[in-house]
Amino acid sequence: MKRKNIFFMLMSLALILFLAACGSSNSNEPEKEDGKTVVNFWHSMGGHNLSVLEDIIDDYNENQDEVVVKSIYQGSYREGFSKINSVLGTKDVPALMQLNEESTKPMIDMGEIKPMQEFIEKDNYSIDNFEPAILGRYEVDGKLYSMPFNPSVAVVYYNKDAFEEVGLDPDNPPQTYSEFEEAAEKLTKKSGNNVDRYGINIRNFGWHYEQLVVNQGGYTVNNENGRAGEPTEGTINNEEMVRSINWIKDMYDKGIFANLGRTGDDVKDAFFAGNVAMMVDSSSAAVPTIDTASFDVGIAKYPIPDGMDPQGSVIGGASLWIFDSIPEETQEAAWDFVQHIMKTETQTEWVSGTGYYPVTTDVYETEEYKQHLEEYPEVQVSLDQLALSKVTPVNQGAYIGVYPDIRVIIEDAIERILDGSESVEDALDRANDEVTDALERYKKTEGK
């Protein structure tokens, strides 16, 4: 009897191992649909940008018979990052994922991705025509881990009609801190103690404040923004940030700077309603902003302190990642679609339809893009803003695993400064200690 029980136990164990092996084998098989390799593409594009993306996907799917790309919306960039973290190591990992620049270091540290550099070298794929500042944002030690997809920088949008109303030249927008402040004073309209129109708003979004520092050549963390070694300390209480926040606080105290919080839609609504004359937003918002406004819209370069030369911007937007755990055939299919996106004609369609920057410089020479600039000449200013950026550790942005945390820390500090609960110095010193703590926690999490 005992021998019989042992026999059945061994047979059961063998069956379990066999089924597990079969399951493992099946999980490594590429997903197919009508004989085509399926590429599940997780992204964060919505509204008009989504319709442009889906046109590109449809065109790709219809013009070849080996791959089918499926567009799957995952919410905001941060929501998408949270979702991909929840499925890593499972069969639910997509083939391709769009994630913003905050995710670069944690994605690399996870060790779950297939670097784009491997595909580039294997196929001798040329990236010589890539925009240097955009390429530099996503390269780490000369290696491209993800493919730039929808790059942007921050610019200032302004109400040209309001400029004319108060005697400002709508074709000659302010450039320096003092010029912006003077313009904001003229543009502000009050009825007694009520403000009908504020001169300016810079949304309380960490990326916008990071841009103010970068334009002066300042860092977010030490060790050259983490590009020369693992960052150990924050540097956001540096003179560049202090200078910027004092300028904003001065305008706020004068009642010419609108504190509209952290939500982008609230700022845009106020701008379109004529309640704010100048606002900061992504360069990618140019076309919808111009098309939506009931007044003429101008675009100005990002503010710079008086007497300083602008150092440019840090690239925002997002890039595309391919995962290492998916079948090799699916990886190759995803890479084929990425190459399609990088084609000059596809890039031209994408940037003309959305307002994002071209990743490849060939786009500038196409008739379609030239016509786009003729229709929206204001976009040239955002291109000029991009041209200011050189490939340096400043403009490459911080290489850190806690980008979202740091941006929220900055946003919290700005709120305390504007509500008067802390001085600029105290708020930034406290925030910098919190940044340093966040860096240390990440280091411990990664076992470094």
Protein backbone atom coordinates (compact mmCIF):
# COMPACT_ATOMS: atom_id res chain seq x y z
CA MET A 1 0.00 0.00 0.00
CA LYS A 2 2.77 2.39 0.87
CA ARG A 3 4.55 1.57 -2.39
CA LYS A 4 1.32 2.26 -4.29
CA ASN A 5 0.90 5.66 -2.57
CA ILE A 6 4.53 6.56 -3.34
CA PHE A 7 3.99 5.56 -6.97
CA PHE A 8 0.92 7.81 -7.32
CA MET A 9 2.73 10.66 -5.57
CA LEU A 10 5.63 10.39 -8.02
CA MET A 11 3.25 10.21 -10.98
CA SER A 12 1.35 13.28 -9.72
CA LEU A 13 4.61 15.19 -9.26
CA ALA A 14 5.72 14.26 -12.77
CA LEU A 15 2.38 15.44 -14.17
CA ILE A 16 2.63 18.75 -12.31
CA LEU A 17 6.16 19.31 -13.63
CA PHE A 18 5.04 18.40 -17.15
CA LEU A 19 2.11 20.83 -17.06
CA ALA A 20 4.33 23.55 -15.64
CA ALA A 21 6.82 22.98 -18.44
CA CYS A 22 4.03 23.16 -21.01
CA GLY A 23 2.73 26.36 -19.49
CA SER A 24 6.20 27.86 -19.53
CA SER A 25 6.66 26.88 -23.13
CA ASN A 26 3.31 28.39 -24.13
CA SER A 27 4.09 31.64 -22.31
CA ASN A 28 7.18 32.05 -24.49
CA GLU A 29 5.18 31.67 -27.68
CA PRO A 30 4.36 34.94 -29.46
CA GLU A 31 0.75 36.01 -29.45
CA LYS A 32 -0.77 35.62 -32.91
CA GLU A 33 -3.84 36.97 -34.68
CA ASP A 34 -4.69 35.78 -38.18
CA GLY A 35 -1.11 34.56 -38.47
CA LYS A 36 0.33 37.97 -37.53
CA THR A 37 2.52 38.66 -34.49
CA VAL A 38 0.62 40.82 -32.00
CA VAL A 39 2.37 43.85 -30.49
CA ASN A 40 0.43 45.17 -27.52
CA PHE A 41 1.36 48.85 -27.23
CA TRP A 42 0.67 50.50 -23.86
CA HIS A 43 0.63 54.30 -24.07
CA SER A 44 -0.66 57.50 -22.46
CA MET A 45 -1.92 59.43 -25.46
CA GLY A 46 -5.45 60.79 -25.31
CA GLY A 47 -7.72 63.17 -27.19
CA HIS A 48 -6.43 64.55 -30.48
CA ASN A 49 -2.96 63.03 -30.02
CA LEU A 50 -4.52 59.59 -29.71
CA SER A 51 -6.36 59.98 -33.00
CA VAL A 52 -3.08 60.88 -34.74
CA LEU A 53 -1.35 57.89 -33.14
CA GLU A 54 -4.14 55.53 -34.14
CA ASP A 55 -3.93 56.76 -37.74
CA ILE A 56 -0.23 55.87 -37.72
CA ILE A 57 -0.94 52.45 -36.22
CA ASP A 58 -3.72 51.79 -38.76
CA ASP A 59 -1.41 52.75 -41.61
CA TYR A 60 1.27 50.38 -40.32
CA ASN A 61 -1.17 47.51 -39.80
CA GLU A 62 -2.67 47.91 -43.27
CA ASN A 63 0.60 48.09 -45.18
CA GLN A 64 2.32 44.90 -44.04
CA ASP A 65 1.04 41.42 -43.23
CA GLU A 66 3.36 40.14 -40.48
CA VAL A 67 2.59 42.32 -37.44
CA VAL A 68 -0.53 43.78 -35.88
CA VAL A 69 -0.10 46.60 -33.34
CA LYS A 70 -2.82 47.06 -30.74
CA SER A 71 -3.16 50.45 -29.04
CA ILE A 72 -3.98 50.15 -25.31
CA TYR A 73 -4.40 53.33 -23.24
CA GLN A 74 -2.99 53.15 -19.70
CA GLY A 75 -3.86 56.55 -18.23
CA SER A 76 -1.28 59.19 -17.32
CA TYR A 77 2.46 58.52 -17.50
CA ARG A 78 2.61 57.91 -13.77
CA GLU A 79 -0.42 55.61 -13.91
CA GLY A 80 1.22 53.72 -16.76
CA PHE A 81 4.44 53.35 -14.78
CA SER A 82 2.49 51.98 -11.82
CA LYS A 83 0.68 49.48 -14.07
CA ILE A 84 3.82 48.18 -15.74
CA ASN A 85 5.38 47.66 -12.32
CA SER A 86 2.39 45.55 -11.32
CA VAL A 87 2.73 43.12 -14.26
CA LEU A 88 6.50 42.71 -14.60
CA GLY A 89 7.37 39.03 -14.47
CA THR A 90 3.93 37.97 -15.70
CA LYS A 91 2.42 37.11 -19.06
CA ASP A 92 0.65 40.49 -19.09
CA VAL A 93 3.79 42.47 -19.93
CA PRO A 94 3.19 44.37 -23.19
CA ALA A 95 5.59 44.30 -26.11
CA LEU A 96 5.95 48.09 -26.25
CA MET A 97 5.43 50.80 -23.62
CA GLN A 98 5.39 54.59 -23.70
CA LEU A 99 6.80 56.12 -20.51
CA ASN A 100 7.93 59.64 -19.73
CA GLU A 101 11.42 60.80 -18.83
CA GLU A 102 10.81 60.30 -15.10
CA SER A 103 10.99 56.55 -15.71
CA THR A 104 14.38 56.24 -17.41
CA LYS A 105 16.56 55.25 -14.46
CA PRO A 106 14.05 53.00 -12.64
CA MET A 107 13.27 51.18 -15.90
CA ILE A 108 16.97 50.54 -16.51
CA ASP A 109 17.55 49.52 -12.89
CA MET A 110 14.72 46.98 -13.05
CA GLY A 111 16.64 45.00 -15.67
CA GLU A 112 13.44 43.99 -17.46
CA ILE A 113 13.93 45.83 -20.76
CA LYS A 114 15.73 45.15 -24.03
CA PRO A 115 17.83 48.24 -24.79
CA MET A 116 17.14 49.88 -28.14
CA GLN A 117 20.91 50.01 -28.56
CA GLU A 118 20.96 46.23 -29.09
CA PHE A 119 18.50 46.47 -31.98
CA ILE A 120 20.36 49.47 -33.40
CA GLU A 121 23.71 47.66 -33.40
CA LYS A 122 22.29 44.36 -34.65
CA ASP A 123 20.63 45.98 -37.66
CA ASN A 124 23.22 48.75 -38.21
CA TYR A 125 20.35 51.18 -37.80
CA SER A 126 21.55 54.78 -38.17
CA ILE A 127 20.63 57.43 -35.62
CA ASP A 128 22.92 60.06 -37.17
CA ASN A 129 19.91 62.20 -38.12
CA PHE A 130 18.46 62.29 -34.59
CA GLU A 131 18.11 65.69 -32.92
CA PRO A 132 21.18 65.81 -30.58
CA ALA A 133 19.40 67.37 -27.57
CA ILE A 134 16.60 64.80 -27.78
CA LEU A 135 18.98 61.87 -28.21
CA GLY A 136 21.09 63.12 -25.31
CA ARG A 137 18.07 63.13 -23.00
CA TYR A 138 17.60 59.36 -23.35
CA GLU A 139 21.19 58.17 -23.74
CA VAL A 140 22.94 56.84 -20.66
CA ASP A 141 26.70 56.42 -20.96
CA GLY A 142 26.33 56.61 -24.73
CA LYS A 143 23.74 53.83 -24.82
CA LEU A 144 20.15 54.30 -25.96
CA TYR A 145 17.82 52.25 -23.77
CA SER A 146 14.52 53.61 -25.09
CA MET A 147 13.50 55.32 -28.31
CA PRO A 148 12.52 59.01 -28.08
CA PHE A 149 8.92 59.32 -29.20
CA ASN A 150 7.13 62.57 -28.26
CA PRO A 151 9.67 65.14 -27.00
CA SER A 152 8.74 68.63 -25.83
CA VAL A 153 10.00 71.57 -23.76
CA ALA A 154 8.25 74.31 -21.78
CA VAL A 155 7.41 77.66 -23.41
CA VAL A 156 5.27 80.68 -22.57
CA TYR A 157 1.93 81.22 -24.33
CA TYR A 158 0.55 84.75 -24.32
CA ASN A 159 -2.62 86.59 -25.32
CA LYS A 160 -1.63 88.89 -28.20
CA ASP A 161 -4.91 90.78 -27.99
CA ALA A 162 -4.26 91.57 -24.32
CA PHE A 163 -0.75 92.73 -25.21
CA GLU A 164 -2.15 95.20 -27.75
CA GLU A 165 -4.80 96.34 -25.28
CA VAL A 166 -2.19 97.50 -22.74
CA GLY A 167 0.32 98.86 -25.25
CA LEU A 168 2.75 95.92 -25.33
CA ASP A 169 4.22 94.78 -28.65
CA PRO A 170 2.55 91.42 -29.42
CA ASP A 171 5.37 90.51 -31.77
CA ASN A 172 8.10 91.28 -29.24
CA PRO A 173 7.33 89.26 -26.09
CA PRO A 174 9.34 89.57 -22.85
CA GLN A 175 12.48 87.49 -22.35
CA THR A 176 14.01 88.34 -18.97
CA TYR A 177 12.55 88.10 -15.47
CA SER A 178 12.18 91.88 -15.18
CA GLU A 179 10.56 92.12 -18.63
CA PHE A 180 8.05 89.41 -17.77
CA GLU A 181 7.28 91.08 -14.45
CA GLU A 182 6.78 94.49 -16.08
CA ALA A 183 4.52 92.96 -18.73
CA ALA A 184 2.55 91.04 -16.08
CA GLU A 185 1.94 94.28 -14.14
CA LYS A 186 0.55 95.98 -17.25
CA LEU A 187 -1.57 92.96 -18.21
CA THR A 188 -3.17 92.54 -14.77
CA LYS A 189 -6.68 94.02 -14.54
CA LYS A 190 -8.46 94.61 -11.24
CA SER A 191 -11.95 95.64 -10.15
CA GLY A 192 -11.43 96.96 -6.66
CA ASN A 193 -9.89 94.10 -4.69
CA ASN A 194 -10.86 91.50 -7.31
CA VAL A 195 -8.45 90.47 -10.05
CA ASP A 196 -10.21 90.08 -13.40
CA ARG A 197 -7.07 89.13 -15.27
CA TYR A 198 -3.70 88.07 -13.90
CA GLY A 199 -0.58 88.88 -15.84
CA ILE A 200 1.09 85.48 -15.65
CA ASN A 201 0.89 81.94 -14.33
CA ILE A 202 3.50 79.22 -14.09
CA ARG A 203 1.64 76.06 -13.16
CA ASN A 204 2.84 74.39 -9.98
CA PHE A 205 4.41 71.48 -11.81
CA GLY A 206 7.93 70.35 -10.89
CA TRP A 207 9.03 70.13 -14.53
CA HIS A 208 8.27 73.82 -15.09
CA TYR A 209 10.41 74.84 -12.12
CA GLU A 210 13.16 72.47 -13.19
CA GLN A 211 13.16 74.32 -16.53
CA LEU A 212 13.79 77.64 -14.78
CA VAL A 213 16.88 76.15 -13.13
CA VAL A 214 18.14 74.41 -16.28
CA ASN A 215 17.84 77.63 -18.29
CA GLN A 216 20.38 79.10 -15.85
CA GLY A 217 22.70 76.08 -16.01
CA GLY A 218 21.69 74.63 -12.64
CA TYR A 219 21.36 71.02 -11.45
CA THR A 220 18.62 69.14 -9.59
CA VAL A 221 20.97 66.71 -7.77
CA ASN A 222 24.72 66.46 -7.23
CA ASN A 223 27.29 64.49 -9.23
CA GLU A 224 26.33 66.45 -12.33
CA ASN A 225 22.66 65.53 -12.13
CA GLY A 226 23.62 61.92 -11.42
CA ARG A 227 25.31 61.66 -14.82
CA ALA A 228 28.83 61.47 -13.31
CA GLY A 229 27.91 59.04 -10.55
CA GLU A 230 25.10 57.97 -8.23
CA PRO A 231 23.51 61.15 -6.84
CA THR A 232 23.59 61.44 -3.05
CA GLU A 233 22.26 64.93 -2.39
CA GLY A 234 19.68 67.30 -3.78
CA THR A 235 20.73 70.71 -5.09
CA ILE A 236 17.33 72.36 -5.51
CA ASN A 237 18.12 74.98 -2.87
CA ASN A 238 20.81 76.32 -5.20
CA GLU A 239 21.11 79.96 -6.23
CA GLU A 240 19.35 79.28 -9.52
CA MET A 241 16.20 77.97 -7.83
CA VAL A 242 16.28 80.65 -5.12
CA ARG A 243 16.55 83.34 -7.79
CA SER A 244 13.59 81.90 -9.72
CA ILE A 245 11.31 81.42 -6.73
CA ASN A 246 12.04 84.89 -5.34
CA TRP A 247 10.99 86.31 -8.72
CA ILE A 248 7.74 84.33 -8.64
CA LYS A 249 7.04 85.18 -5.00
CA ASP A 250 7.56 88.87 -5.74
CA MET A 251 5.02 88.73 -8.58
CA TYR A 252 2.59 86.77 -6.41
CA ASP A 253 2.84 89.30 -3.59
CA LYS A 254 2.12 92.08 -6.10
CA GLY A 255 -1.06 90.29 -7.16
CA ILE A 256 0.05 89.84 -10.77
CA PHE A 257 0.92 86.11 -10.61
CA ALA A 258 -1.99 83.66 -10.53
CA ASN A 259 -1.64 80.67 -8.21
CA LEU A 260 -3.86 78.14 -10.01
CA GLY A 261 -2.49 74.97 -8.44
CA ARG A 262 -1.13 71.85 -10.09
CA THR A 263 -3.80 70.94 -12.63
CA GLY A 264 -3.00 71.83 -16.22
CA ASP A 265 -6.64 72.05 -17.32
CA ASP A 266 -7.36 74.71 -14.69
CA VAL A 267 -4.55 76.88 -16.08
CA LYS A 268 -5.66 76.40 -19.69
CA ASP A 269 -9.28 77.18 -18.81
CA ALA A 270 -8.18 80.43 -17.15
CA PHE A 271 -6.04 81.35 -20.16
CA PHE A 272 -8.81 80.65 -22.68
CA ALA A 273 -11.30 82.57 -20.53
CA GLY A 274 -9.02 85.61 -20.57
CA ASN A 275 -8.36 85.43 -16.83
CA VAL A 276 -4.60 84.94 -17.33
CA ALA A 277 -2.64 86.72 -20.05
CA MET A 278 0.52 84.57 -20.03
CA MET A 279 0.89 80.92 -19.09
CA VAL A 280 3.60 78.27 -19.19
CA ASP A 281 2.83 74.99 -20.94
CA SER A 282 4.44 72.27 -23.02
CA SER A 283 5.57 73.15 -26.54
CA SER A 284 3.41 70.22 -27.67
CA ALA A 285 0.32 72.26 -26.75
CA ALA A 286 0.98 74.85 -29.46
CA VAL A 287 -1.50 73.70 -32.13
CA PRO A 288 -4.48 72.97 -29.83
CA THR A 289 -3.86 76.19 -27.87
CA ILE A 290 -3.76 78.32 -31.01
CA ASP A 291 -6.80 76.55 -32.46
CA THR A 292 -8.86 76.73 -29.26
CA ALA A 293 -8.24 80.31 -28.17
CA SER A 294 -10.73 83.01 -29.22
CA PHE A 295 -7.82 85.47 -29.40
CA ASP A 296 -4.46 85.53 -31.18
CA VAL A 297 -1.86 83.44 -29.33
CA GLY A 298 1.86 84.12 -29.29
CA ILE A 299 4.68 81.93 -28.00
CA ALA A 300 7.68 83.24 -26.08
CA LYS A 301 10.89 81.54 -25.02
CA TYR A 302 11.29 80.46 -21.42
CA PRO A 303 12.16 83.28 -18.96
CA ILE A 304 15.79 83.96 -18.07
CA PRO A 305 17.18 86.19 -15.27
CA ASP A 306 18.45 89.58 -16.34
CA GLY A 307 22.05 89.65 -17.54
CA MET A 308 22.26 85.89 -18.15
CA ASP A 309 22.50 83.92 -21.36
CA PRO A 310 19.81 81.23 -21.69
CA GLN A 311 21.11 77.67 -21.38
CA GLY A 312 18.08 75.99 -22.95
CA SER A 313 15.70 73.36 -21.69
CA VAL A 314 15.46 69.82 -20.45
CA ILE A 315 13.44 67.59 -22.76
CA GLY A 316 10.06 66.39 -21.56
CA GLY A 317 7.59 64.02 -23.17
CA ALA A 318 8.18 60.29 -23.41
CA SER A 319 10.00 57.41 -25.08
CA LEU A 320 9.29 53.82 -26.13
CA TRP A 321 10.50 50.70 -24.29
CA ILE A 322 10.68 47.06 -25.41
CA PHE A 323 10.63 44.35 -22.75
CA ASP A 324 13.13 41.53 -22.48
CA SER A 325 10.72 38.90 -21.11
CA ILE A 326 8.52 38.77 -24.21
CA PRO A 327 9.26 36.28 -27.02
CA GLU A 328 12.08 37.27 -29.36
CA GLU A 329 9.72 37.25 -32.32
CA THR A 330 7.50 39.78 -30.54
CA GLN A 331 10.52 41.92 -29.68
CA GLU A 332 11.48 42.01 -33.35
CA ALA A 333 7.91 42.89 -34.30
CA ALA A 334 7.90 45.77 -31.79
CA TRP A 335 11.25 46.97 -33.13
CA ASP A 336 9.84 46.93 -36.67
CA PHE A 337 6.99 49.20 -35.56
CA VAL A 338 9.45 51.52 -33.76
CA GLN A 339 11.41 51.84 -37.00
CA HIS A 340 8.17 52.71 -38.79
CA ILE A 341 7.55 55.51 -36.28
CA MET A 342 11.05 56.86 -36.91
CA LYS A 343 10.58 57.06 -40.68
CA THR A 344 10.67 60.63 -41.94
CA GLU A 345 7.15 60.50 -43.36
CA THR A 346 5.73 59.03 -40.13
CA GLN A 347 7.60 61.53 -37.96
CA THR A 348 6.29 64.35 -40.13
CA GLU A 349 2.72 63.13 -39.79
CA TRP A 350 3.15 62.74 -36.02
CA VAL A 351 4.72 66.12 -35.24
CA SER A 352 2.54 68.09 -37.68
CA GLY A 353 -0.55 66.55 -36.14
CA THR A 354 0.43 66.85 -32.48
CA GLY A 355 2.98 69.65 -32.02
CA TYR A 356 5.69 67.44 -30.53
CA TYR A 357 9.27 67.89 -31.72
CA PRO A 358 10.65 65.78 -34.55
CA VAL A 359 13.10 63.18 -33.28
CA THR A 360 14.81 63.14 -36.69
CA THR A 361 16.07 66.34 -38.30
CA ASP A 362 15.04 65.15 -41.79
CA VAL A 363 11.52 66.25 -40.93
CA TYR A 364 12.50 69.92 -41.13
CA GLU A 365 13.19 69.52 -44.85
CA THR A 366 9.84 68.00 -45.79
CA GLU A 367 7.26 70.10 -47.61
CA GLU A 368 4.55 68.96 -45.19
CA TYR A 369 6.43 70.29 -42.15
CA LYS A 370 7.33 73.52 -43.92
CA GLN A 371 3.63 74.00 -44.64
CA HIS A 372 2.90 73.24 -40.99
CA LEU A 373 5.22 76.07 -39.94
CA GLU A 374 3.59 78.39 -42.46
CA GLU A 375 0.20 77.61 -40.96
CA TYR A 376 1.51 77.86 -37.38
CA PRO A 377 4.50 80.25 -37.55
CA GLU A 378 4.43 80.61 -33.75
CA VAL A 379 5.82 77.06 -33.48
CA GLN A 380 9.18 78.35 -34.72
CA VAL A 381 9.75 79.94 -31.30
CA SER A 382 9.54 76.54 -29.60
CA LEU A 383 12.04 75.19 -32.15
CA ASP A 384 14.34 78.09 -31.27
CA GLN A 385 13.93 77.17 -27.60
CA LEU A 386 15.03 73.62 -28.39
CA ALA A 387 18.04 74.90 -30.34
CA LEU A 388 19.36 76.60 -27.19
CA SER A 389 19.87 73.23 -25.53
CA LYS A 390 23.26 71.59 -25.74
CA VAL A 391 24.01 68.01 -24.76
CA THR A 392 25.33 68.55 -21.23
CA PRO A 393 24.47 66.97 -17.87
CA VAL A 394 22.38 70.09 -17.22
CA ASN A 395 20.17 69.73 -20.30
CA GLN A 396 20.13 65.95 -20.24
CA GLY A 397 18.18 66.18 -17.02
CA ALA A 398 18.70 64.36 -13.75
CA TYR A 399 19.45 60.64 -13.98
CA ILE A 400 17.56 59.60 -10.86
CA GLY A 401 15.15 56.90 -9.80
CA VAL A 402 12.90 59.22 -7.79
CA TYR A 403 11.95 61.88 -10.34
CA PRO A 404 8.21 61.86 -9.49
CA ASP A 405 9.01 62.18 -5.76
CA ILE A 406 11.34 65.11 -6.36
CA ARG A 407 8.87 66.96 -8.53
CA VAL A 408 6.15 66.55 -5.92
CA ILE A 409 8.57 67.76 -3.22
CA ILE A 410 9.21 70.90 -5.28
CA GLU A 411 5.47 71.42 -5.81
CA ASP A 412 4.81 71.08 -2.06
CA ALA A 413 7.53 73.67 -1.35
CA ILE A 414 6.03 76.13 -3.84
CA GLU A 415 2.64 75.83 -2.14
CA ARG A 416 4.15 76.59 1.27
CA ILE A 417 6.01 79.58 -0.15
CA LEU A 418 2.97 81.07 -1.87
CA ASP A 419 0.62 80.56 1.09
CA GLY A 420 3.17 82.26 3.33
CA SER A 421 3.68 79.36 5.73
CA GLU A 422 7.43 79.19 4.95
CA SER A 423 10.04 81.54 3.55
CA VAL A 424 11.71 80.76 0.23
CA GLU A 425 14.93 79.81 2.02
CA ASP A 426 13.28 77.59 4.63
CA ALA A 427 10.98 75.86 2.14
CA LEU A 428 13.78 75.07 -0.32
CA ASP A 429 16.15 73.90 2.44
CA ARG A 430 13.45 71.59 3.78
CA ALA A 431 12.63 70.38 0.27
CA ASN A 432 16.27 69.72 -0.46
CA ASP A 433 16.58 67.57 2.68
CA GLU A 434 13.53 65.61 1.48
CA VAL A 435 15.14 65.13 -1.94
CA THR A 436 18.31 63.83 -0.30
CA ASP A 437 16.25 61.43 1.84
CA ALA A 438 14.40 60.19 -1.26
CA LEU A 439 17.71 59.51 -3.03
CA GLU A 440 18.94 57.55 -0.01
CA ARG A 441 15.76 55.47 0.18
CA TYR A 442 16.01 54.62 -3.52
CA LYS A 443 19.64 53.63 -3.08
CA LYS A 444 18.70 51.24 -0.26
CA THR A 445 15.80 49.81 -2.28
CA GLU A 446 18.15 49.04 -5.14
CA GLY A 447 20.66 47.49 -2.74
CA LYS A 448 23.44 49.90 -3.63
